[in-house]
Amino acid sequence: MNWIIYGDKGSGAFAAEAALAEAGAEWEFREISLERNEQRSPDFLAINPAGKIPALQLPEGEIITESLAMLLVVAERYPEAALLPPVGTAARARALRWLAFMASEIYPIVEIEDYPSRFVPDGAASDALREKSKERIRERLLILEHAAAGPWILAGGFSACDIYAVMFSRWSATHGWRDEHIPKLCAIMRGLAERPALGPVWRKFFSGTF
């Protein structure tokens, strides 16, 4: 069996597909339309009871969720792809730090910014919450921008950190802001688009625009 990714274009499924592409793996992409709310369908809830995408089916049939877990699993399965620095090194520790930072300090806020009415009533309260969430995401991306070694997040070169960081830098909270405020992350974004294996995935998810 191949890997199976359940997701939608423009979604967090980018991280899993980008990692698999870099690893040279074979996978199948099964679209779960957010616009049609298919993540809440009975069929998908049987895959992920949380009703969120992405989900990733391993070749042996196990289903995992959480994009950070997907990146780590792919990196472990394909060490030759060097998606993470070697185990036990300071560079590995640094990579895990920033992956965990993004998963805990940015990703949860994305849901609030995208769907504030899940947390407060529609109207002025949800509008205010969306704006505060956007500010929070931008603040966290500025921390990552400052920490990025250039031309990649880690001084040692390309890693899964770059895949994850670029995904967050591409979403709605950064529209009209990112070019001026996170130039290093924007440069990483262009670098990803130029990678032979990863470039087609980038264009599939984000239409090739920078």
C-alpha atoms as a PDB file:
ATOM      1  CA  MET A   1       0.000   0.000   0.000  1.00  0.00           C
ATOM      2  CA  ASN A   2       1.016   3.597  -0.592  1.00  0.00           C
ATOM      3  CA  TRP A   3       0.534   6.493   1.755  1.00  0.00           C
ATOM      4  CA  ILE A   4      -2.896   8.143   1.586  1.00  0.00           C
ATOM      5  CA  ILE A   5      -3.367  11.840   2.387  1.00  0.00           C
ATOM      6  CA  TYR A   6      -6.824  13.153   3.222  1.00  0.00           C
ATOM      7  CA  GLY A   7      -6.966  16.917   2.758  1.00  0.00           C
ATOM      8  CA  ASP A   8      -7.835  19.907   0.640  1.00  0.00           C
ATOM      9  CA  LYS A   9      -5.852  22.370  -1.442  1.00  0.00           C
ATOM     10  CA  GLY A  10      -4.517  25.220   0.623  1.00  0.00           C
ATOM     11  CA  SER A  11      -4.847  23.175   3.815  1.00  0.00           C
ATOM     12  CA  GLY A  12      -2.422  21.689   6.315  1.00  0.00           C
ATOM     13  CA  ALA A  13      -2.214  18.605   4.112  1.00  0.00           C
ATOM     14  CA  PHE A  14       0.547  20.528   2.324  1.00  0.00           C
ATOM     15  CA  ALA A  15       3.022  19.600   5.063  1.00  0.00           C
ATOM     16  CA  ALA A  16       2.488  15.859   4.698  1.00  0.00           C
ATOM     17  CA  GLU A  17       2.499  15.884   0.904  1.00  0.00           C
ATOM     18  CA  ALA A  18       5.570  18.097   0.720  1.00  0.00           C
ATOM     19  CA  ALA A  19       7.467  15.804   3.079  1.00  0.00           C
ATOM     20  CA  LEU A  20       6.482  12.702   1.116  1.00  0.00           C
ATOM     21  CA  ALA A  21       7.515  14.378  -2.133  1.00  0.00           C
ATOM     22  CA  GLU A  22      10.931  15.264  -0.719  1.00  0.00           C
ATOM     23  CA  ALA A  23      11.302  11.677   0.498  1.00  0.00           C
ATOM     24  CA  GLY A  24      10.526  10.263  -2.929  1.00  0.00           C
ATOM     25  CA  ALA A  25       7.577   8.280  -1.573  1.00  0.00           C
ATOM     26  CA  GLU A  26       4.438   7.301  -3.438  1.00  0.00           C
ATOM     27  CA  TRP A  27       1.112   8.552  -2.164  1.00  0.00           C
ATOM     28  CA  GLU A  28      -2.529   9.060  -3.058  1.00  0.00           C
ATOM     29  CA  PHE A  29      -4.337  12.314  -2.351  1.00  0.00           C
ATOM     30  CA  ARG A  30      -8.012  12.064  -1.421  1.00  0.00           C
ATOM     31  CA  GLU A  31      -9.764  15.417  -1.438  1.00  0.00           C
ATOM     32  CA  ILE A  32     -11.863  16.339   1.586  1.00  0.00           C
ATOM     33  CA  SER A  33     -13.541  19.601   0.633  1.00  0.00           C
ATOM     34  CA  LEU A  34     -13.627  22.216   3.368  1.00  0.00           C
ATOM     35  CA  GLU A  35     -15.990  24.299   1.264  1.00  0.00           C
ATOM     36  CA  ARG A  36     -18.498  21.425   1.251  1.00  0.00           C
ATOM     37  CA  ASN A  37     -17.800  20.674   4.928  1.00  0.00           C
ATOM     38  CA  GLU A  38     -16.799  17.115   4.034  1.00  0.00           C
ATOM     39  CA  GLN A  39     -14.519  16.947   7.066  1.00  0.00           C
ATOM     40  CA  ARG A  40     -17.713  16.606   9.117  1.00  0.00           C
ATOM     41  CA  SER A  41     -19.162  13.789   7.008  1.00  0.00           C
ATOM     42  CA  PRO A  42     -19.738  10.388   8.674  1.00  0.00           C
ATOM     43  CA  ASP A  43     -17.199   8.767   6.368  1.00  0.00           C
ATOM     44  CA  PHE A  44     -14.441  11.169   7.322  1.00  0.00           C
ATOM     45  CA  LEU A  45     -15.375  11.233  11.000  1.00  0.00           C
ATOM     46  CA  ALA A  46     -14.680   7.501  10.964  1.00  0.00           C
ATOM     47  CA  ILE A  47     -11.138   8.405   9.905  1.00  0.00           C
ATOM     48  CA  ASN A  48     -10.676  11.388  12.230  1.00  0.00           C
ATOM     49  CA  PRO A  49     -13.377  11.824  14.899  1.00  0.00           C
ATOM     50  CA  ALA A  50     -12.140  15.395  15.470  1.00  0.00           C
ATOM     51  CA  GLY A  51     -13.501  16.289  12.039  1.00  0.00           C
ATOM     52  CA  LYS A  52     -10.326  18.042  10.921  1.00  0.00           C
ATOM     53  CA  ILE A  53      -7.942  17.642   8.034  1.00  0.00           C
ATOM     54  CA  PRO A  54      -5.367  16.494   7.244  1.00  0.00           C
ATOM     55  CA  ALA A  55      -5.233  12.825   8.057  1.00  0.00           C
ATOM     56  CA  LEU A  56      -2.557  10.445   6.830  1.00  0.00           C
ATOM     57  CA  GLN A  57      -2.850   6.714   6.317  1.00  0.00           C
ATOM     58  CA  LEU A  58       0.459   4.894   6.631  1.00  0.00           C
ATOM     59  CA  PRO A  59       1.335   2.167   4.122  1.00  0.00           C
ATOM     60  CA  GLU A  60       0.441  -0.489   6.692  1.00  0.00           C
ATOM     61  CA  GLY A  61      -3.002   1.054   7.253  1.00  0.00           C
ATOM     62  CA  GLU A  62      -2.570   3.034  10.477  1.00  0.00           C
ATOM     63  CA  ILE A  63      -4.220   6.470  10.468  1.00  0.00           C
ATOM     64  CA  ILE A  64      -2.461   9.421  12.061  1.00  0.00           C
ATOM     65  CA  THR A  65      -3.627  13.009  12.447  1.00  0.00           C
ATOM     66  CA  GLU A  66      -1.800  16.214  13.441  1.00  0.00           C
ATOM     67  CA  SER A  67       0.503  17.599  10.782  1.00  0.00           C
ATOM     68  CA  LEU A  68       3.477  17.735  13.146  1.00  0.00           C
ATOM     69  CA  ALA A  69       3.152  13.997  13.750  1.00  0.00           C
ATOM     70  CA  MET A  70       3.011  13.443   9.993  1.00  0.00           C
ATOM     71  CA  LEU A  71       6.227  15.374   9.434  1.00  0.00           C
ATOM     72  CA  LEU A  72       8.016  13.442  12.159  1.00  0.00           C
ATOM     73  CA  VAL A  73       6.800  10.058  10.919  1.00  0.00           C
ATOM     74  CA  VAL A  74       7.840  10.734   7.324  1.00  0.00           C
ATOM     75  CA  ALA A  75      11.220  12.016   8.505  1.00  0.00           C
ATOM     76  CA  GLU A  76      11.730   8.842  10.548  1.00  0.00           C
ATOM     77  CA  ARG A  77      10.646   6.525   7.729  1.00  0.00           C
ATOM     78  CA  TYR A  78      12.929   8.218   5.175  1.00  0.00           C
ATOM     79  CA  PRO A  79      16.093   9.299   6.997  1.00  0.00           C
ATOM     80  CA  GLU A  80      17.955   9.546   3.689  1.00  0.00           C
ATOM     81  CA  ALA A  81      15.725  12.527   2.791  1.00  0.00           C
ATOM     82  CA  ALA A  82      17.303  14.476   5.679  1.00  0.00           C
ATOM     83  CA  LEU A  83      14.034  16.153   6.624  1.00  0.00           C
ATOM     84  CA  LEU A  84      15.456  16.415  10.140  1.00  0.00           C
ATOM     85  CA  PRO A  85      19.053  16.633  11.395  1.00  0.00           C
ATOM     86  CA  PRO A  86      20.573  13.481  12.934  1.00  0.00           C
ATOM     87  CA  VAL A  87      19.151  12.178  16.202  1.00  0.00           C
ATOM     88  CA  GLY A  88      20.996  13.366  19.286  1.00  0.00           C
ATOM     89  CA  THR A  89      22.466  16.502  17.733  1.00  0.00           C
ATOM     90  CA  ALA A  90      21.924  20.090  18.802  1.00  0.00           C
ATOM     91  CA  ALA A  91      20.525  20.776  15.331  1.00  0.00           C
ATOM     92  CA  ARG A  92      17.902  18.069  15.851  1.00  0.00           C
ATOM     93  CA  ALA A  93      16.915  19.643  19.160  1.00  0.00           C
ATOM     94  CA  ARG A  94      16.627  23.035  17.483  1.00  0.00           C
ATOM     95  CA  ALA A  95      14.456  21.588  14.725  1.00  0.00           C
ATOM     96  CA  LEU A  96      12.128  19.932  17.221  1.00  0.00           C
ATOM     97  CA  ARG A  97      11.908  23.174  19.175  1.00  0.00           C
ATOM     98  CA  TRP A  98      10.664  25.142  16.183  1.00  0.00           C
ATOM     99  CA  LEU A  99       8.352  22.422  14.936  1.00  0.00           C
ATOM    100  CA  ALA A 100       6.747  22.239  18.380  1.00  0.00           C
ATOM    101  CA  PHE A 101       6.585  26.037  18.560  1.00  0.00           C
ATOM    102  CA  MET A 102       4.660  26.210  15.307  1.00  0.00           C
ATOM    103  CA  ALA A 103       2.349  23.343  16.221  1.00  0.00           C
ATOM    104  CA  SER A 104       1.483  24.778  19.632  1.00  0.00           C
ATOM    105  CA  GLU A 105       1.837  28.539  19.254  1.00  0.00           C
ATOM    106  CA  ILE A 106       0.565  29.131  15.717  1.00  0.00           C
ATOM    107  CA  TYR A 107      -1.640  26.295  14.491  1.00  0.00           C
ATOM    108  CA  PRO A 108      -4.297  26.504  17.257  1.00  0.00           C
ATOM    109  CA  ILE A 109      -4.658  30.239  16.638  1.00  0.00           C
ATOM    110  CA  VAL A 110      -5.263  29.626  12.930  1.00  0.00           C
ATOM    111  CA  GLU A 111      -8.539  27.892  13.738  1.00  0.00           C
ATOM    112  CA  ILE A 112      -9.623  30.861  15.855  1.00  0.00           C
ATOM    113  CA  GLU A 113      -8.710  33.332  13.117  1.00  0.00           C
ATOM    114  CA  ASP A 114     -10.488  31.283  10.454  1.00  0.00           C
ATOM    115  CA  TYR A 115     -13.553  30.327  12.518  1.00  0.00           C
ATOM    116  CA  PRO A 116     -14.010  32.815  15.391  1.00  0.00           C
ATOM    117  CA  SER A 117     -17.713  31.955  15.678  1.00  0.00           C
ATOM    118  CA  ARG A 118     -16.701  28.544  16.993  1.00  0.00           C
ATOM    119  CA  PHE A 119     -15.493  30.342  20.100  1.00  0.00           C
ATOM    120  CA  VAL A 120     -17.685  33.436  20.500  1.00  0.00           C
ATOM    121  CA  PRO A 121     -21.051  34.576  19.070  1.00  0.00           C
ATOM    122  CA  ASP A 122     -21.135  35.987  15.545  1.00  0.00           C
ATOM    123  CA  GLY A 123     -20.900  39.758  15.260  1.00  0.00           C
ATOM    124  CA  ALA A 124     -18.637  42.274  16.929  1.00  0.00           C
ATOM    125  CA  ALA A 125     -17.163  39.696  19.301  1.00  0.00           C
ATOM    126  CA  SER A 126     -16.157  37.306  16.525  1.00  0.00           C
ATOM    127  CA  ASP A 127     -14.781  40.160  14.400  1.00  0.00           C
ATOM    128  CA  ALA A 128     -12.627  41.352  17.304  1.00  0.00           C
ATOM    129  CA  LEU A 129     -11.439  37.829  18.042  1.00  0.00           C
ATOM    130  CA  ARG A 130     -10.427  37.318  14.406  1.00  0.00           C
ATOM    131  CA  GLU A 131      -8.341  40.495  14.480  1.00  0.00           C
ATOM    132  CA  LYS A 132      -6.643  39.611  17.765  1.00  0.00           C
ATOM    133  CA  SER A 133      -5.913  36.118  16.473  1.00  0.00           C
ATOM    134  CA  LYS A 134      -4.375  37.558  13.328  1.00  0.00           C
ATOM    135  CA  GLU A 135      -2.143  39.782  15.446  1.00  0.00           C
ATOM    136  CA  ARG A 136      -1.082  36.780  17.520  1.00  0.00           C
ATOM    137  CA  ILE A 137      -0.185  34.713  14.463  1.00  0.00           C
ATOM    138  CA  ARG A 138       1.873  37.570  13.082  1.00  0.00           C
ATOM    139  CA  GLU A 139       3.694  38.042  16.383  1.00  0.00           C
ATOM    140  CA  ARG A 140       4.626  34.357  16.406  1.00  0.00           C
ATOM    141  CA  LEU A 141       5.802  34.437  12.804  1.00  0.00           C
ATOM    142  CA  LEU A 142       8.038  37.386  13.655  1.00  0.00           C
ATOM    143  CA  ILE A 143       9.694  35.257  16.331  1.00  0.00           C
ATOM    144  CA  LEU A 144      10.346  32.579  13.731  1.00  0.00           C
ATOM    145  CA  GLU A 145      11.575  35.172  11.247  1.00  0.00           C
ATOM    146  CA  HIS A 146      14.103  36.437  13.775  1.00  0.00           C
ATOM    147  CA  ALA A 147      15.274  32.894  14.569  1.00  0.00           C
ATOM    148  CA  ALA A 148      15.658  31.772  10.952  1.00  0.00           C
ATOM    149  CA  ALA A 149      19.301  31.301  10.055  1.00  0.00           C
ATOM    150  CA  GLY A 150      18.846  31.980   6.337  1.00  0.00           C
ATOM    151  CA  PRO A 151      18.568  30.812   3.637  1.00  0.00           C
ATOM    152  CA  TRP A 152      16.624  28.170   5.632  1.00  0.00           C
ATOM    153  CA  ILE A 153      15.300  28.004   9.188  1.00  0.00           C
ATOM    154  CA  LEU A 154      18.238  25.871  10.340  1.00  0.00           C
ATOM    155  CA  ALA A 155      21.848  26.802   9.675  1.00  0.00           C
ATOM    156  CA  GLY A 156      22.515  23.286   8.409  1.00  0.00           C
ATOM    157  CA  GLY A 157      20.140  23.589   5.469  1.00  0.00           C
ATOM    158  CA  PHE A 158      16.660  22.638   4.332  1.00  0.00           C
ATOM    159  CA  SER A 159      14.458  20.694   6.773  1.00  0.00           C
ATOM    160  CA  ALA A 160      10.878  19.919   7.694  1.00  0.00           C
ATOM    161  CA  CYS A 161      10.920  23.208   9.622  1.00  0.00           C
ATOM    162  CA  ASP A 162      10.910  25.065   6.327  1.00  0.00           C
ATOM    163  CA  ILE A 163       7.902  23.123   5.037  1.00  0.00           C
ATOM    164  CA  TYR A 164       5.949  23.905   8.190  1.00  0.00           C
ATOM    165  CA  ALA A 165       6.996  27.559   8.418  1.00  0.00           C
ATOM    166  CA  VAL A 166       6.150  28.307   4.809  1.00  0.00           C
ATOM    167  CA  MET A 167       2.710  26.761   5.210  1.00  0.00           C
ATOM    168  CA  PHE A 168       1.865  29.103   8.084  1.00  0.00           C
ATOM    169  CA  SER A 169       3.365  32.102   6.316  1.00  0.00           C
ATOM    170  CA  ARG A 170       1.057  31.478   3.375  1.00  0.00           C
ATOM    171  CA  TRP A 171      -2.313  31.569   5.133  1.00  0.00           C
ATOM    172  CA  SER A 172      -4.795  34.420   5.425  1.00  0.00           C
ATOM    173  CA  ALA A 173      -3.335  36.128   8.494  1.00  0.00           C
ATOM    174  CA  THR A 174      -0.281  37.165   6.476  1.00  0.00           C
ATOM    175  CA  HIS A 175      -1.998  38.558   3.376  1.00  0.00           C
ATOM    176  CA  GLY A 176      -0.749  42.070   2.625  1.00  0.00           C
ATOM    177  CA  TRP A 177       1.742  41.857   5.496  1.00  0.00           C
ATOM    178  CA  ARG A 178       4.299  39.146   4.912  1.00  0.00           C
ATOM    179  CA  ASP A 179       6.448  40.724   2.186  1.00  0.00           C
ATOM    180  CA  GLU A 180       7.413  43.654   4.392  1.00  0.00           C
ATOM    181  CA  HIS A 181       7.649  41.917   7.750  1.00  0.00           C
ATOM    182  CA  ILE A 182       8.924  38.363   7.192  1.00  0.00           C
ATOM    183  CA  PRO A 183      11.359  38.602   4.264  1.00  0.00           C
ATOM    184  CA  LYS A 184      13.390  35.572   5.354  1.00  0.00           C
ATOM    185  CA  LEU A 185      10.299  33.386   5.462  1.00  0.00           C
ATOM    186  CA  CYS A 186       9.268  34.734   2.066  1.00  0.00           C
ATOM    187  CA  ALA A 187      12.692  33.811   0.702  1.00  0.00           C
ATOM    188  CA  ILE A 188      12.278  30.316   2.143  1.00  0.00           C
ATOM    189  CA  MET A 189       8.891  30.157   0.441  1.00  0.00           C
ATOM    190  CA  ARG A 190      10.517  30.904  -2.921  1.00  0.00           C
ATOM    191  CA  GLY A 191      13.230  28.367  -2.181  1.00  0.00           C
ATOM    192  CA  LEU A 192      10.661  25.648  -1.581  1.00  0.00           C
ATOM    193  CA  ALA A 193       8.881  26.461  -4.831  1.00  0.00           C
ATOM    194  CA  GLU A 194      12.152  25.911  -6.699  1.00  0.00           C
ATOM    195  CA  ARG A 195      12.894  22.472  -5.260  1.00  0.00           C
ATOM    196  CA  PRO A 196      12.406  19.825  -7.970  1.00  0.00           C
ATOM    197  CA  ALA A 197      10.344  17.402  -5.879  1.00  0.00           C
ATOM    198  CA  LEU A 198       8.512  19.911  -3.725  1.00  0.00           C
ATOM    199  CA  GLY A 199       7.761  22.591  -6.308  1.00  0.00           C
ATOM    200  CA  PRO A 200       4.826  20.749  -7.913  1.00  0.00           C
ATOM    201  CA  VAL A 201       3.258  20.227  -4.487  1.00  0.00           C
ATOM    202  CA  TRP A 202       3.634  23.919  -3.755  1.00  0.00           C
ATOM    203  CA  ARG A 203       1.897  24.848  -6.990  1.00  0.00           C
ATOM    204  CA  LYS A 204      -0.898  22.352  -6.334  1.00  0.00           C
ATOM    205  CA  PHE A 205      -1.686  23.789  -2.910  1.00  0.00           C
ATOM    206  CA  PHE A 206      -0.914  27.460  -3.400  1.00  0.00           C
ATOM    207  CA  SER A 207      -1.270  28.016  -7.164  1.00  0.00           C
ATOM    208  CA  GLY A 208       2.408  28.882  -7.562  1.00  0.00           C
ATOM    209  CA  THR A 209       1.962  32.456  -6.325  1.00  0.00           C
ATOM    210  CA  PHE A 210       4.506  34.015  -3.995  1.00  0.00           C
END
